């Protein structure tokens, strides 16, 4: 499954993995676990920090100081992507 954006922030993961990162309740631990999987780690490493920050800023959920943390942005993007993929199907 793909989640893509206007900024080139793309992620290719299975629906099962997406569902494990997007569910009722807290997802932080699941997202942190997904972040360690090699196939996800490689994809996240390719994301441009500026493009990712720009895209996340459009959600209006984080301020400039929060968006300055690229590692946190990667987790945010992974969580959003899991939700988008789960919602598409």
PDB file of N, CA and C in Angstrom:
ATOM      1  N   UNK A   1       0.845  -1.173   0.000  1.00  0.00           N
ATOM      2  CA  UNK A   1       0.000   0.000   0.000  1.00  0.00           C
ATOM      3  C   UNK A   1       0.890   1.236   0.000  1.00  0.00           C
ATOM      4  N   UNK A   2       0.418   2.241  -0.667  1.00  0.00           N
ATOM      5  CA  UNK A   2       1.169   3.489  -0.778  1.00  0.00           C
ATOM      6  C   UNK A   2       0.461   4.615  -0.061  1.00  0.00           C
ATOM      7  N   UNK A   3       1.202   5.471   0.551  1.00  0.00           N
ATOM      8  CA  UNK A   3       0.712   6.775   0.959  1.00  0.00           C
ATOM      9  C   UNK A   3       1.657   7.768   0.315  1.00  0.00           C
ATOM     10  N   UNK A   4       1.122   8.701  -0.423  1.00  0.00           N
ATOM     11  CA  UNK A   4       1.972   9.678  -1.076  1.00  0.00           C
ATOM     12  C   UNK A   4       1.434  11.075  -0.821  1.00  0.00           C
ATOM     13  N   UNK A   5       2.260  12.057  -1.125  1.00  0.00           N
ATOM     14  CA  UNK A   5       1.887  13.429  -0.853  1.00  0.00           C
ATOM     15  C   UNK A   5       2.331  14.332  -1.975  1.00  0.00           C
ATOM     16  N   UNK A   6       1.912  15.563  -1.909  1.00  0.00           N
ATOM     17  CA  UNK A   6       2.325  16.566  -2.884  1.00  0.00           C
ATOM     18  C   UNK A   6       3.783  16.962  -2.710  1.00  0.00           C
ATOM     19  N   UNK A   7       4.381  16.575  -1.610  1.00  0.00           N
ATOM     20  CA  UNK A   7       5.754  16.954  -1.307  1.00  0.00           C
ATOM     21  C   UNK A   7       6.754  15.827  -1.565  1.00  0.00           C
ATOM     22  N   UNK A   8       6.293  14.714  -2.101  1.00  0.00           N
ATOM     23  CA  UNK A   8       7.195  13.601  -2.366  1.00  0.00           C
ATOM     24  C   UNK A   8       7.488  12.755  -1.146  1.00  0.00           C
ATOM     25  N   UNK A   9       6.686  12.916  -0.107  1.00  0.00           N
ATOM     26  CA  UNK A   9       6.851  12.120   1.106  1.00  0.00           C
ATOM     27  C   UNK A   9       6.008  10.863   0.949  1.00  0.00           C
ATOM     28  N   UNK A  10       6.612   9.831   0.415  1.00  0.00           N
ATOM     29  CA  UNK A  10       5.895   8.608   0.084  1.00  0.00           C
ATOM     30  C   UNK A  10       6.297   7.484   1.030  1.00  0.00           C
ATOM     31  N   UNK A  11       5.364   6.565   1.223  1.00  0.00           N
ATOM     32  CA  UNK A  11       5.625   5.412   2.067  1.00  0.00           C
ATOM     33  C   UNK A  11       4.911   4.208   1.488  1.00  0.00           C
ATOM     34  N   UNK A  12       5.606   3.102   1.363  1.00  0.00           N
ATOM     35  CA  UNK A  12       5.052   1.858   0.849  1.00  0.00           C
ATOM     36  C   UNK A  12       5.137   0.806   1.950  1.00  0.00           C
ATOM     37  N   UNK A  13       3.965   0.454   2.507  1.00  0.00           N
ATOM     38  CA  UNK A  13       3.907  -0.582   3.541  1.00  0.00           C
ATOM     39  C   UNK A  13       2.655  -1.431   3.329  1.00  0.00           C
ATOM     40  N   UNK A  14       2.627  -2.566   3.956  1.00  0.00           N
ATOM     41  CA  UNK A  14       1.455  -3.434   3.830  1.00  0.00           C
ATOM     42  C   UNK A  14       0.287  -2.848   4.632  1.00  0.00           C
ATOM     43  N   UNK A  15      -0.900  -3.278   4.267  1.00  0.00           N
ATOM     44  CA  UNK A  15      -2.087  -2.840   5.007  1.00  0.00           C
ATOM     45  C   UNK A  15      -2.003  -3.308   6.456  1.00  0.00           C
ATOM     46  N   UNK A  16      -1.518  -4.520   6.673  1.00  0.00           N
ATOM     47  CA  UNK A  16      -1.401  -5.040   8.037  1.00  0.00           C
ATOM     48  C   UNK A  16      -0.476  -4.171   8.887  1.00  0.00           C
ATOM     49  N   UNK A  17       0.636  -3.743   8.328  1.00  0.00           N
ATOM     50  CA  UNK A  17       1.534  -2.860   9.077  1.00  0.00           C
ATOM     51  C   UNK A  17       0.868  -1.523   9.339  1.00  0.00           C
ATOM     52  N   UNK A  18       0.179  -0.988   8.325  1.00  0.00           N
ATOM     53  CA  UNK A  18      -0.517   0.288   8.503  1.00  0.00           C
ATOM     54  C   UNK A  18      -1.549   0.178   9.618  1.00  0.00           C
ATOM     55  N   UNK A  19      -2.284  -0.910   9.643  1.00  0.00           N
ATOM     56  CA  UNK A  19      -3.296  -1.100  10.685  1.00  0.00           C
ATOM     57  C   UNK A  19      -2.662  -1.226  12.067  1.00  0.00           C
ATOM     58  N   UNK A  20      -1.461  -1.774  12.127  1.00  0.00           N
ATOM     59  CA  UNK A  20      -0.799  -1.891  13.432  1.00  0.00           C
ATOM     60  C   UNK A  20      -0.361  -0.532  13.962  1.00  0.00           C
ATOM     61  N   UNK A  21      -0.240   0.462  13.075  1.00  0.00           N
ATOM     62  CA  UNK A  21       0.156   1.801  13.493  1.00  0.00           C
ATOM     63  C   UNK A  21      -0.991   2.786  13.547  1.00  0.00           C
ATOM     64  N   UNK A  22      -2.192   2.328  13.247  1.00  0.00           N
ATOM     65  CA  UNK A  22      -3.365   3.208  13.264  1.00  0.00           C
ATOM     66  C   UNK A  22      -4.557   2.440  13.791  1.00  0.00           C
ATOM     67  N   UNK A  23      -4.909   2.710  15.017  1.00  0.00           N
ATOM     68  CA  UNK A  23      -6.000   1.991  15.672  1.00  0.00           C
ATOM     69  C   UNK A  23      -6.515   2.842  16.815  1.00  0.00           C
ATOM     70  N   UNK A  24      -7.594   2.415  17.427  1.00  0.00           N
ATOM     71  CA  UNK A  24      -8.122   3.115  18.589  1.00  0.00           C
ATOM     72  C   UNK A  24      -7.099   3.050  19.717  1.00  0.00           C
ATOM     73  N   UNK A  25      -7.024   4.104  20.480  1.00  0.00           N
ATOM     74  CA  UNK A  25      -6.086   4.141  21.593  1.00  0.00           C
ATOM     75  C   UNK A  25      -4.742   4.709  21.168  1.00  0.00           C
ATOM     76  N   UNK A  26      -3.827   4.708  22.086  1.00  0.00           N
ATOM     77  CA  UNK A  26      -2.493   5.252  21.846  1.00  0.00           C
ATOM     78  C   UNK A  26      -1.736   4.392  20.837  1.00  0.00           C
ATOM     79  N   UNK A  27      -1.107   5.036  19.878  1.00  0.00           N
ATOM     80  CA  UNK A  27      -0.358   4.333  18.831  1.00  0.00           C
ATOM     81  C   UNK A  27       1.147   4.577  18.939  1.00  0.00           C
ATOM     82  N   UNK A  28       1.572   5.389  19.886  1.00  0.00           N
ATOM     83  CA  UNK A  28       2.974   5.787  19.973  1.00  0.00           C
ATOM     84  C   UNK A  28       3.940   4.609  19.999  1.00  0.00           C
ATOM     85  N   UNK A  29       3.660   3.630  20.836  1.00  0.00           N
ATOM     86  CA  UNK A  29       4.543   2.469  20.932  1.00  0.00           C
ATOM     87  C   UNK A  29       4.580   1.658  19.653  1.00  0.00           C
ATOM     88  N   UNK A  30       3.430   1.525  19.014  1.00  0.00           N
ATOM     89  CA  UNK A  30       3.372   0.777  17.754  1.00  0.00           C
ATOM     90  C   UNK A  30       4.120   1.504  16.646  1.00  0.00           C
ATOM     91  N   UNK A  31       3.974   2.813  16.604  1.00  0.00           N
ATOM     92  CA  UNK A  31       4.679   3.609  15.595  1.00  0.00           C
ATOM     93  C   UNK A  31       6.184   3.527  15.831  1.00  0.00           C
ATOM     94  N   UNK A  32       6.602   3.613  17.088  1.00  0.00           N
ATOM     95  CA  UNK A  32       8.032   3.491  17.399  1.00  0.00           C
ATOM     96  C   UNK A  32       8.564   2.129  16.963  1.00  0.00           C
ATOM     97  N   UNK A  33       7.764   1.084  17.148  1.00  0.00           N
ATOM     98  CA  UNK A  33       8.175  -0.250  16.702  1.00  0.00           C
ATOM     99  C   UNK A  33       8.259  -0.344  15.190  1.00  0.00           C
ATOM    100  N   UNK A  34       7.273   0.206  14.492  1.00  0.00           N
ATOM    101  CA  UNK A  34       7.305   0.202  13.026  1.00  0.00           C
ATOM    102  C   UNK A  34       8.535   0.942  12.511  1.00  0.00           C
ATOM    103  N   UNK A  35       8.907   2.000  13.193  1.00  0.00           N
ATOM    104  CA  UNK A  35      10.052   2.837  12.778  1.00  0.00           C
ATOM    105  C   UNK A  35      11.341   2.030  12.737  1.00  0.00           C
ATOM    106  N   UNK A  36      11.406   0.945  13.498  1.00  0.00           N
ATOM    107  CA  UNK A  36      12.635   0.147  13.556  1.00  0.00           C
ATOM    108  C   UNK A  36      12.717  -0.909  12.456  1.00  0.00           C
ATOM    109  N   UNK A  37      11.616  -1.152  11.744  1.00  0.00           N
ATOM    110  CA  UNK A  37      11.645  -2.165  10.682  1.00  0.00           C
ATOM    111  C   UNK A  37      12.508  -1.672   9.522  1.00  0.00           C
ATOM    112  N   UNK A  38      13.419  -2.522   9.039  1.00  0.00           N
ATOM    113  CA  UNK A  38      14.344  -2.074   7.992  1.00  0.00           C
ATOM    114  C   UNK A  38      13.663  -1.466   6.762  1.00  0.00           C
ATOM    115  N   UNK A  39      12.571  -2.072   6.282  1.00  0.00           N
ATOM    116  CA  UNK A  39      11.934  -1.560   5.075  1.00  0.00           C
ATOM    117  C   UNK A  39      11.301  -0.190   5.302  1.00  0.00           C
ATOM    118  N   UNK A  40      10.890   0.092   6.507  1.00  0.00           N
ATOM    119  CA  UNK A  40      10.331   1.405   6.834  1.00  0.00           C
ATOM    120  C   UNK A  40      11.461   2.387   7.122  1.00  0.00           C
ATOM    121  N   UNK A  41      12.444   1.943   7.860  1.00  0.00           N
ATOM    122  CA  UNK A  41      13.598   2.798   8.179  1.00  0.00           C
ATOM    123  C   UNK A  41      14.252   3.337   6.915  1.00  0.00           C
ATOM    124  N   UNK A  42      14.404   2.477   5.915  1.00  0.00           N
ATOM    125  CA  UNK A  42      15.031   2.908   4.651  1.00  0.00           C
ATOM    126  C   UNK A  42      14.205   3.984   3.960  1.00  0.00           C
ATOM    127  N   UNK A  43      12.896   3.804   3.940  1.00  0.00           N
ATOM    128  CA  UNK A  43      12.034   4.776   3.278  1.00  0.00           C
ATOM    129  C   UNK A  43      12.028   6.113   4.021  1.00  0.00           C
ATOM    130  N   UNK A  44      11.958   6.061   5.329  1.00  0.00           N
ATOM    131  CA  UNK A  44      11.945   7.296   6.106  1.00  0.00           C
ATOM    132  C   UNK A  44      13.270   8.044   5.977  1.00  0.00           C
ATOM    133  N   UNK A  45      14.357   7.312   5.833  1.00  0.00           N
ATOM    134  CA  UNK A  45      15.671   7.948   5.688  1.00  0.00           C
ATOM    135  C   UNK A  45      15.775   8.770   4.401  1.00  0.00           C
ATOM    136  N   UNK A  46      14.951   8.464   3.423  1.00  0.00           N
ATOM    137  CA  UNK A  46      14.984   9.176   2.145  1.00  0.00           C
ATOM    138  C   UNK A  46      14.159  10.461   2.138  1.00  0.00           C
ATOM    139  N   UNK A  47      13.350  10.669   3.177  1.00  0.00           N
ATOM    140  CA  UNK A  47      12.490  11.845   3.202  1.00  0.00           C
ATOM    141  C   UNK A  47      13.301  13.110   3.461  1.00  0.00           C
ATOM    142  N   UNK A  48      13.015  14.129   2.692  1.00  0.00           N
ATOM    143  CA  UNK A  48      13.692  15.412   2.844  1.00  0.00           C
ATOM    144  C   UNK A  48      13.113  16.135   4.070  1.00  0.00           C
ATOM    145  N   UNK A  49      13.951  16.515   5.017  1.00  0.00           N
ATOM    146  CA  UNK A  49      13.442  17.157   6.235  1.00  0.00           C
ATOM    147  C   UNK A  49      12.612  18.412   5.970  1.00  0.00           C
ATOM    148  N   UNK A  50      13.038  19.237   5.030  1.00  0.00           N
ATOM    149  CA  UNK A  50      12.295  20.468   4.741  1.00  0.00           C
ATOM    150  C   UNK A  50      10.930  20.172   4.143  1.00  0.00           C
ATOM    151  N   UNK A  51      10.874  19.235   3.211  1.00  0.00           N
ATOM    152  CA  UNK A  51       9.588  18.874   2.613  1.00  0.00           C
ATOM    153  C   UNK A  51       8.656  18.250   3.639  1.00  0.00           C
ATOM    154  N   UNK A  52       9.212  17.434   4.497  1.00  0.00           N
ATOM    155  CA  UNK A  52       8.404  16.789   5.528  1.00  0.00           C
ATOM    156  C   UNK A  52       7.852  17.840   6.494  1.00  0.00           C
ATOM    157  N   UNK A  53       8.700  18.758   6.920  1.00  0.00           N
ATOM    158  CA  UNK A  53       8.279  19.825   7.830  1.00  0.00           C
ATOM    159  C   UNK A  53       7.200  20.693   7.180  1.00  0.00           C
ATOM    160  N   UNK A  54       7.389  21.012   5.906  1.00  0.00           N
ATOM    161  CA  UNK A  54       6.406  21.824   5.176  1.00  0.00           C
ATOM    162  C   UNK A  54       5.045  21.125   5.120  1.00  0.00           C
ATOM    163  N   UNK A  55       5.075  19.849   4.806  1.00  0.00           N
ATOM    164  CA  UNK A  55       3.819  19.107   4.717  1.00  0.00           C
ATOM    165  C   UNK A  55       3.128  19.005   6.072  1.00  0.00           C
ATOM    166  N   UNK A  56       3.873  18.659   7.101  1.00  0.00           N
ATOM    167  CA  UNK A  56       3.279  18.532   8.426  1.00  0.00           C
ATOM    168  C   UNK A  56       2.731  19.864   8.933  1.00  0.00           C
ATOM    169  N   UNK A  57       3.355  20.952   8.531  1.00  0.00           N
ATOM    170  CA  UNK A  57       2.878  22.267   8.979  1.00  0.00           C
ATOM    171  C   UNK A  57       1.472  22.547   8.460  1.00  0.00           C
ATOM    172  N   UNK A  58       1.107  21.968   7.324  1.00  0.00           N
ATOM    173  CA  UNK A  58      -0.223  22.171   6.758  1.00  0.00           C
ATOM    174  C   UNK A  58      -1.326  21.551   7.613  1.00  0.00           C
ATOM    175  N   UNK A  59      -0.979  20.606   8.463  1.00  0.00           N
ATOM    176  CA  UNK A  59      -1.973  20.009   9.356  1.00  0.00           C
ATOM    177  C   UNK A  59      -2.368  20.973  10.473  1.00  0.00           C
ATOM    178  N   UNK A  60      -1.482  21.910  10.783  1.00  0.00           N
ATOM    179  CA  UNK A  60      -1.767  22.891  11.824  1.00  0.00           C
ATOM    180  C   UNK A  60      -1.752  22.319  13.231  1.00  0.00           C
ATOM    181  N   UNK A  61      -1.195  21.163  13.403  1.00  0.00           N
ATOM    182  CA  UNK A  61      -1.200  20.494  14.707  1.00  0.00           C
ATOM    183  C   UNK A  61       0.074  20.739  15.509  1.00  0.00           C
ATOM    184  N   UNK A  62       1.118  21.213  14.865  1.00  0.00           N
ATOM    185  CA  UNK A  62       2.400  21.405  15.523  1.00  0.00           C
ATOM    186  C   UNK A  62       2.933  22.789  15.203  1.00  0.00           C
ATOM    187  N   UNK A  63       3.606  23.389  16.177  1.00  0.00           N
ATOM    188  CA  UNK A  63       4.183  24.712  15.944  1.00  0.00           C
ATOM    189  C   UNK A  63       5.584  24.574  15.344  1.00  0.00           C
ATOM    190  N   UNK A  64       6.194  25.702  15.022  1.00  0.00           N
ATOM    191  CA  UNK A  64       7.508  25.691  14.356  1.00  0.00           C
ATOM    192  C   UNK A  64       8.567  25.005  15.197  1.00  0.00           C
ATOM    193  N   UNK A  65       8.526  25.218  16.493  1.00  0.00           N
ATOM    194  CA  UNK A  65       9.512  24.587  17.371  1.00  0.00           C
ATOM    195  C   UNK A  65       9.366  23.063  17.353  1.00  0.00           C
ATOM    196  N   UNK A  66       8.145  22.577  17.423  1.00  0.00           N
ATOM    197  CA  UNK A  66       7.914  21.133  17.378  1.00  0.00           C
ATOM    198  C   UNK A  66       8.344  20.564  16.032  1.00  0.00           C
ATOM    199  N   UNK A  67       8.069  21.278  14.958  1.00  0.00           N
ATOM    200  CA  UNK A  67       8.403  20.797  13.622  1.00  0.00           C
ATOM    201  C   UNK A  67       9.898  20.861  13.318  1.00  0.00           C
ATOM    202  N   UNK A  68      10.663  21.488  14.183  1.00  0.00           N
ATOM    203  CA  UNK A  68      12.116  21.537  14.005  1.00  0.00           C
ATOM    204  C   UNK A  68      12.772  20.200  14.347  1.00  0.00           C
ATOM    205  N   UNK A  69      12.032  19.304  14.992  1.00  0.00           N
ATOM    206  CA  UNK A  69      12.549  17.996  15.408  1.00  0.00           C
ATOM    207  C   UNK A  69      12.260  16.970  14.308  1.00  0.00           C
ATOM    208  N   UNK A  70      13.261  16.698  13.479  1.00  0.00           N
ATOM    209  CA  UNK A  70      13.064  15.807  12.335  1.00  0.00           C
ATOM    210  C   UNK A  70      12.699  14.386  12.764  1.00  0.00           C
ATOM    211  N   UNK A  71      13.311  13.884  13.817  1.00  0.00           N
ATOM    212  CA  UNK A  71      12.997  12.526  14.271  1.00  0.00           C
ATOM    213  C   UNK A  71      11.530  12.425  14.698  1.00  0.00           C
ATOM    214  N   UNK A  72      11.042  13.422  15.390  1.00  0.00           N
ATOM    215  CA  UNK A  72       9.624  13.441  15.773  1.00  0.00           C
ATOM    216  C   UNK A  72       8.745  13.556  14.534  1.00  0.00           C
ATOM    217  N   UNK A  73       9.198  14.326  13.543  1.00  0.00           N
ATOM    218  CA  UNK A  73       8.434  14.470  12.302  1.00  0.00           C
ATOM    219  C   UNK A  73       8.322  13.143  11.568  1.00  0.00           C
ATOM    220  N   UNK A  74       9.376  12.355  11.603  1.00  0.00           N
ATOM    221  CA  UNK A  74       9.318  11.039  10.957  1.00  0.00           C
ATOM    222  C   UNK A  74       8.254  10.160  11.610  1.00  0.00           C
ATOM    223  N   UNK A  75       8.183  10.200  12.929  1.00  0.00           N
ATOM    224  CA  UNK A  75       7.157   9.425  13.638  1.00  0.00           C
ATOM    225  C   UNK A  75       5.764   9.965  13.327  1.00  0.00           C
ATOM    226  N   UNK A  76       5.639  11.283  13.274  1.00  0.00           N
ATOM    227  CA  UNK A  76       4.343  11.885  12.926  1.00  0.00           C
ATOM    228  C   UNK A  76       3.903  11.450  11.542  1.00  0.00           C
ATOM    229  N   UNK A  77       4.833  11.511  10.589  1.00  0.00           N
ATOM    230  CA  UNK A  77       4.505  11.150   9.201  1.00  0.00           C
ATOM    231  C   UNK A  77       4.142   9.675   9.092  1.00  0.00           C
ATOM    232  N   UNK A  78       4.853   8.824   9.785  1.00  0.00           N
ATOM    233  CA  UNK A  78       4.550   7.402   9.764  1.00  0.00           C
ATOM    234  C   UNK A  78       3.150   7.158  10.323  1.00  0.00           C
ATOM    235  N   UNK A  79       2.809   7.809  11.411  1.00  0.00           N
ATOM    236  CA  UNK A  79       1.478   7.661  12.016  1.00  0.00           C
ATOM    237  C   UNK A  79       0.386   8.156  11.069  1.00  0.00           C
ATOM    238  N   UNK A  80       0.596   9.322  10.475  1.00  0.00           N
ATOM    239  CA  UNK A  80      -0.383   9.869   9.521  1.00  0.00           C
ATOM    240  C   UNK A  80      -0.524   8.933   8.326  1.00  0.00           C
ATOM    241  N   UNK A  81       0.589   8.440   7.823  1.00  0.00           N
ATOM    242  CA  UNK A  81       0.559   7.535   6.672  1.00  0.00           C
ATOM    243  C   UNK A  81      -0.196   6.257   6.995  1.00  0.00           C
ATOM    244  N   UNK A  82       0.045   5.702   8.164  1.00  0.00           N
ATOM    245  CA  UNK A  82      -0.690   4.494   8.566  1.00  0.00           C
ATOM    246  C   UNK A  82      -2.178   4.766   8.602  1.00  0.00           C
ATOM    247  N   UNK A  83      -2.559   5.902   9.137  1.00  0.00           N
ATOM    248  CA  UNK A  83      -3.975   6.267   9.177  1.00  0.00           C
ATOM    249  C   UNK A  83      -4.561   6.449   7.794  1.00  0.00           C
ATOM    250  N   UNK A  84      -3.823   7.115   6.917  1.00  0.00           N
ATOM    251  CA  UNK A  84      -4.313   7.326   5.544  1.00  0.00           C
ATOM    252  C   UNK A  84      -4.507   6.005   4.804  1.00  0.00           C
ATOM    253  N   UNK A  85      -3.537   5.129   4.937  1.00  0.00           N
ATOM    254  CA  UNK A  85      -3.613   3.829   4.267  1.00  0.00           C
ATOM    255  C   UNK A  85      -4.763   3.004   4.838  1.00  0.00           C
ATOM    256  N   UNK A  86      -4.892   2.995   6.145  1.00  0.00           N
ATOM    257  CA  UNK A  86      -5.972   2.242   6.787  1.00  0.00           C
ATOM    258  C   UNK A  86      -7.333   2.783   6.369  1.00  0.00           C
ATOM    259  N   UNK A  87      -7.467   4.103   6.293  1.00  0.00           N
ATOM    260  CA  UNK A  87      -8.734   4.720   5.918  1.00  0.00           C
ATOM    261  C   UNK A  87      -9.096   4.522   4.450  1.00  0.00           C
ATOM    262  N   UNK A  88      -8.108   4.321   3.599  1.00  0.00           N
ATOM    263  CA  UNK A  88      -8.358   4.149   2.162  1.00  0.00           C
ATOM    264  C   UNK A  88      -8.995   2.818   1.844  1.00  0.00           C
ATOM    265  N   UNK A  89      -8.867   1.859   2.707  1.00  0.00           N
ATOM    266  CA  UNK A  89      -9.319   0.499   2.385  1.00  0.00           C
ATOM    267  C   UNK A  89     -10.383   0.010   3.329  1.00  0.00           C
TER     268      UNK A  89
END
